[in-house]
Amino acid sequence: MESSALTLDESAMLTQSGVCEESTGLGDVTQELKFRVKSFVERLENIGTSLDRRRRCYKLIDKVAHLQFIN
């Protein structure tokens, strides 16, 4: 994740400074990369939320199973 952020920053600086001509398409590639990284991060966050919910659910199931075993 950090390396993609660095790549985005570097490509943005090159595009803004005029080092790369517009004909290279670097600006378009940068925008596409930004979109893909943002989409990937959002999916990771959603997966993390889903995993956390499942973890809590399994903990509750485990507690209930333990209580039933005691009684």
N, C-alpha and C. Protein backbone atom coordinates (compact mmCIF):
# COMPACT_ATOMS: atom_id res chain seq x y z
N MET A 1 0.82 -1.19 0.00
CA MET A 1 0.00 0.00 0.00
C MET A 1 0.87 1.26 0.00
N GLU A 2 1.93 1.23 0.81
CA GLU A 2 2.79 2.41 0.87
C GLU A 2 3.49 2.65 -0.46
N SER A 3 3.93 1.57 -1.10
CA SER A 3 4.64 1.75 -2.37
C SER A 3 3.72 2.29 -3.45
N SER A 4 2.44 1.90 -3.41
CA SER A 4 1.52 2.44 -4.41
C SER A 4 1.27 3.92 -4.15
N ALA A 5 1.21 4.31 -2.90
CA ALA A 5 1.04 5.73 -2.57
C ALA A 5 2.25 6.54 -3.02
N LEU A 6 3.44 5.99 -2.83
CA LEU A 6 4.66 6.67 -3.27
C LEU A 6 4.69 6.80 -4.79
N THR A 7 4.30 5.74 -5.48
CA THR A 7 4.27 5.77 -6.94
C THR A 7 3.30 6.83 -7.43
N LEU A 8 2.14 6.91 -6.79
CA LEU A 8 1.16 7.93 -7.16
C LEU A 8 1.71 9.33 -6.94
N ASP A 9 2.35 9.53 -5.81
CA ASP A 9 2.92 10.85 -5.52
C ASP A 9 3.99 11.23 -6.53
N GLU A 10 4.86 10.29 -6.84
CA GLU A 10 5.93 10.57 -7.79
C GLU A 10 5.39 10.87 -9.19
N SER A 11 4.42 10.08 -9.62
CA SER A 11 3.87 10.32 -10.95
C SER A 11 3.12 11.65 -11.01
N ALA A 12 2.44 12.00 -9.92
CA ALA A 12 1.75 13.29 -9.88
C ALA A 12 2.75 14.44 -9.95
N MET A 13 3.88 14.31 -9.24
CA MET A 13 4.90 15.36 -9.27
C MET A 13 5.51 15.49 -10.67
N LEU A 14 5.77 14.35 -11.32
CA LEU A 14 6.33 14.40 -12.67
C LEU A 14 5.37 15.06 -13.65
N THR A 15 4.10 14.72 -13.51
CA THR A 15 3.09 15.29 -14.41
C THR A 15 2.96 16.80 -14.19
N GLN A 16 2.92 17.21 -12.92
CA GLN A 16 2.75 18.63 -12.60
C GLN A 16 3.97 19.46 -12.96
N SER A 17 5.16 18.87 -12.82
CA SER A 17 6.38 19.64 -13.09
C SER A 17 6.66 19.78 -14.58
N GLY A 18 5.95 19.02 -15.39
CA GLY A 18 6.14 19.11 -16.83
C GLY A 18 7.30 18.28 -17.33
N VAL A 19 7.89 17.45 -16.45
CA VAL A 19 9.00 16.59 -16.86
C VAL A 19 8.53 15.62 -17.93
N CYS A 20 7.34 15.09 -17.74
CA CYS A 20 6.77 14.17 -18.73
C CYS A 20 5.77 14.93 -19.57
N GLU A 21 5.84 14.71 -20.84
CA GLU A 21 4.88 15.36 -21.73
C GLU A 21 3.52 14.70 -21.59
N GLU A 22 2.49 15.44 -21.94
CA GLU A 22 1.14 14.90 -21.86
C GLU A 22 0.98 13.68 -22.76
N SER A 23 1.76 13.60 -23.80
CA SER A 23 1.63 12.48 -24.75
C SER A 23 2.03 11.15 -24.13
N THR A 24 2.71 11.16 -23.00
CA THR A 24 3.11 9.91 -22.36
C THR A 24 1.91 9.21 -21.73
N GLY A 25 0.86 9.96 -21.44
CA GLY A 25 -0.32 9.36 -20.82
C GLY A 25 -0.13 9.09 -19.34
N LEU A 26 0.92 9.64 -18.76
CA LEU A 26 1.19 9.40 -17.34
C LEU A 26 0.05 9.90 -16.45
N GLY A 27 -0.55 11.01 -16.83
CA GLY A 27 -1.67 11.53 -16.04
C GLY A 27 -2.84 10.58 -16.02
N ASP A 28 -3.13 9.99 -17.18
CA ASP A 28 -4.22 9.02 -17.25
C ASP A 28 -3.92 7.78 -16.42
N VAL A 29 -2.69 7.32 -16.51
CA VAL A 29 -2.28 6.14 -15.74
C VAL A 29 -2.36 6.44 -14.24
N THR A 30 -1.95 7.64 -13.86
CA THR A 30 -2.00 8.04 -12.46
C THR A 30 -3.43 8.04 -11.95
N GLN A 31 -4.34 8.60 -12.73
CA GLN A 31 -5.75 8.63 -12.32
C GLN A 31 -6.32 7.23 -12.19
N GLU A 32 -5.99 6.37 -13.13
CA GLU A 32 -6.47 4.98 -13.09
C GLU A 32 -5.91 4.26 -11.86
N LEU A 33 -4.63 4.47 -11.59
CA LEU A 33 -4.01 3.85 -10.43
C LEU A 33 -4.64 4.34 -9.14
N LYS A 34 -4.91 5.65 -9.05
CA LYS A 34 -5.56 6.19 -7.87
C LYS A 34 -6.92 5.54 -7.64
N PHE A 35 -7.68 5.41 -8.73
CA PHE A 35 -9.00 4.79 -8.64
C PHE A 35 -8.90 3.35 -8.16
N ARG A 36 -7.96 2.60 -8.74
CA ARG A 36 -7.81 1.19 -8.37
C ARG A 36 -7.34 1.02 -6.94
N VAL A 37 -6.40 1.85 -6.50
CA VAL A 37 -5.92 1.76 -5.12
C VAL A 37 -7.05 2.10 -4.15
N LYS A 38 -7.80 3.15 -4.44
CA LYS A 38 -8.92 3.53 -3.58
C LYS A 38 -9.96 2.40 -3.50
N SER A 39 -10.26 1.81 -4.64
CA SER A 39 -11.22 0.71 -4.69
C SER A 39 -10.71 -0.49 -3.89
N PHE A 40 -9.43 -0.79 -4.03
CA PHE A 40 -8.83 -1.91 -3.30
C PHE A 40 -8.89 -1.67 -1.79
N VAL A 41 -8.55 -0.47 -1.36
CA VAL A 41 -8.58 -0.13 0.07
C VAL A 41 -10.00 -0.24 0.61
N GLU A 42 -10.98 0.22 -0.14
CA GLU A 42 -12.37 0.12 0.30
C GLU A 42 -12.79 -1.34 0.45
N ARG A 43 -12.38 -2.18 -0.50
CA ARG A 43 -12.71 -3.61 -0.41
C ARG A 43 -12.04 -4.24 0.81
N LEU A 44 -10.78 -3.88 1.06
CA LEU A 44 -10.09 -4.39 2.24
C LEU A 44 -10.80 -3.98 3.53
N GLU A 45 -11.24 -2.73 3.59
CA GLU A 45 -11.95 -2.26 4.78
C GLU A 45 -13.26 -3.02 4.97
N ASN A 46 -13.98 -3.26 3.87
CA ASN A 46 -15.23 -4.02 3.95
C ASN A 46 -14.98 -5.45 4.41
N ILE A 47 -13.93 -6.07 3.91
CA ILE A 47 -13.58 -7.42 4.33
C ILE A 47 -13.21 -7.43 5.81
N GLY A 48 -12.45 -6.43 6.25
CA GLY A 48 -12.08 -6.34 7.66
C GLY A 48 -13.30 -6.21 8.55
N THR A 49 -14.26 -5.40 8.13
CA THR A 49 -15.50 -5.24 8.90
C THR A 49 -16.26 -6.55 8.96
N SER A 50 -16.35 -7.24 7.83
CA SER A 50 -17.05 -8.52 7.77
C SER A 50 -16.37 -9.56 8.67
N LEU A 51 -15.05 -9.61 8.62
CA LEU A 51 -14.32 -10.55 9.46
C LEU A 51 -14.51 -10.24 10.94
N ASP A 52 -14.53 -8.97 11.28
CA ASP A 52 -14.73 -8.58 12.68
C ASP A 52 -16.12 -9.00 13.16
N ARG A 53 -17.13 -8.82 12.34
CA ARG A 53 -18.49 -9.26 12.70
C ARG A 53 -18.54 -10.76 12.89
N ARG A 54 -17.90 -11.49 11.99
CA ARG A 54 -17.90 -12.95 12.10
C ARG A 54 -17.16 -13.40 13.35
N ARG A 55 -16.05 -12.74 13.66
CA ARG A 55 -15.28 -13.07 14.85
C ARG A 55 -16.14 -12.90 16.09
N ARG A 56 -16.87 -11.78 16.17
CA ARG A 56 -17.75 -11.53 17.32
C ARG A 56 -18.86 -12.57 17.39
N CYS A 57 -19.39 -12.94 16.25
CA CYS A 57 -20.46 -13.94 16.20
C CYS A 57 -19.95 -15.30 16.71
N TYR A 58 -18.77 -15.70 16.25
CA TYR A 58 -18.21 -16.98 16.71
C TYR A 58 -17.89 -16.95 18.19
N LYS A 59 -17.47 -15.81 18.71
CA LYS A 59 -17.22 -15.69 20.15
C LYS A 59 -18.51 -15.91 20.93
N LEU A 60 -19.60 -15.32 20.44
CA LEU A 60 -20.89 -15.50 21.10
C LEU A 60 -21.34 -16.95 21.04
N ILE A 61 -21.18 -17.58 19.89
CA ILE A 61 -21.55 -18.99 19.74
C ILE A 61 -20.72 -19.84 20.70
N ASP A 62 -19.44 -19.53 20.81
CA ASP A 62 -18.56 -20.27 21.71
C ASP A 62 -19.00 -20.10 23.16
N LYS A 63 -19.39 -18.88 23.55
CA LYS A 63 -19.86 -18.63 24.91
C LYS A 63 -21.13 -19.42 25.20
N VAL A 64 -22.06 -19.41 24.24
CA VAL A 64 -23.32 -20.14 24.42
C VAL A 64 -23.04 -21.64 24.53
N ALA A 65 -22.17 -22.15 23.68
CA ALA A 65 -21.83 -23.58 23.74
C ALA A 65 -21.20 -23.92 25.07
N HIS A 66 -20.36 -23.05 25.58
CA HIS A 66 -19.71 -23.27 26.88
C HIS A 66 -20.76 -23.27 27.99
N LEU A 67 -21.71 -22.35 27.94
CA LEU A 67 -22.77 -22.29 28.96
C LEU A 67 -23.64 -23.53 28.92
N GLN A 68 -23.94 -24.02 27.75
CA GLN A 68 -24.76 -25.23 27.63
C GLN A 68 -24.01 -26.44 28.16
N PHE A 69 -22.70 -26.46 27.97
CA PHE A 69 -21.88 -27.57 28.48
C PHE A 69 -21.87 -27.58 30.00
N ILE A 70 -21.85 -26.39 30.61
CA ILE A 70 -21.83 -26.28 32.07
C ILE A 70 -23.15 -26.74 32.66
N ASN A 71 -24.26 -26.37 32.04
CA ASN A 71 -25.58 -26.71 32.56
C ASN A 71 -25.89 -28.10 32.14
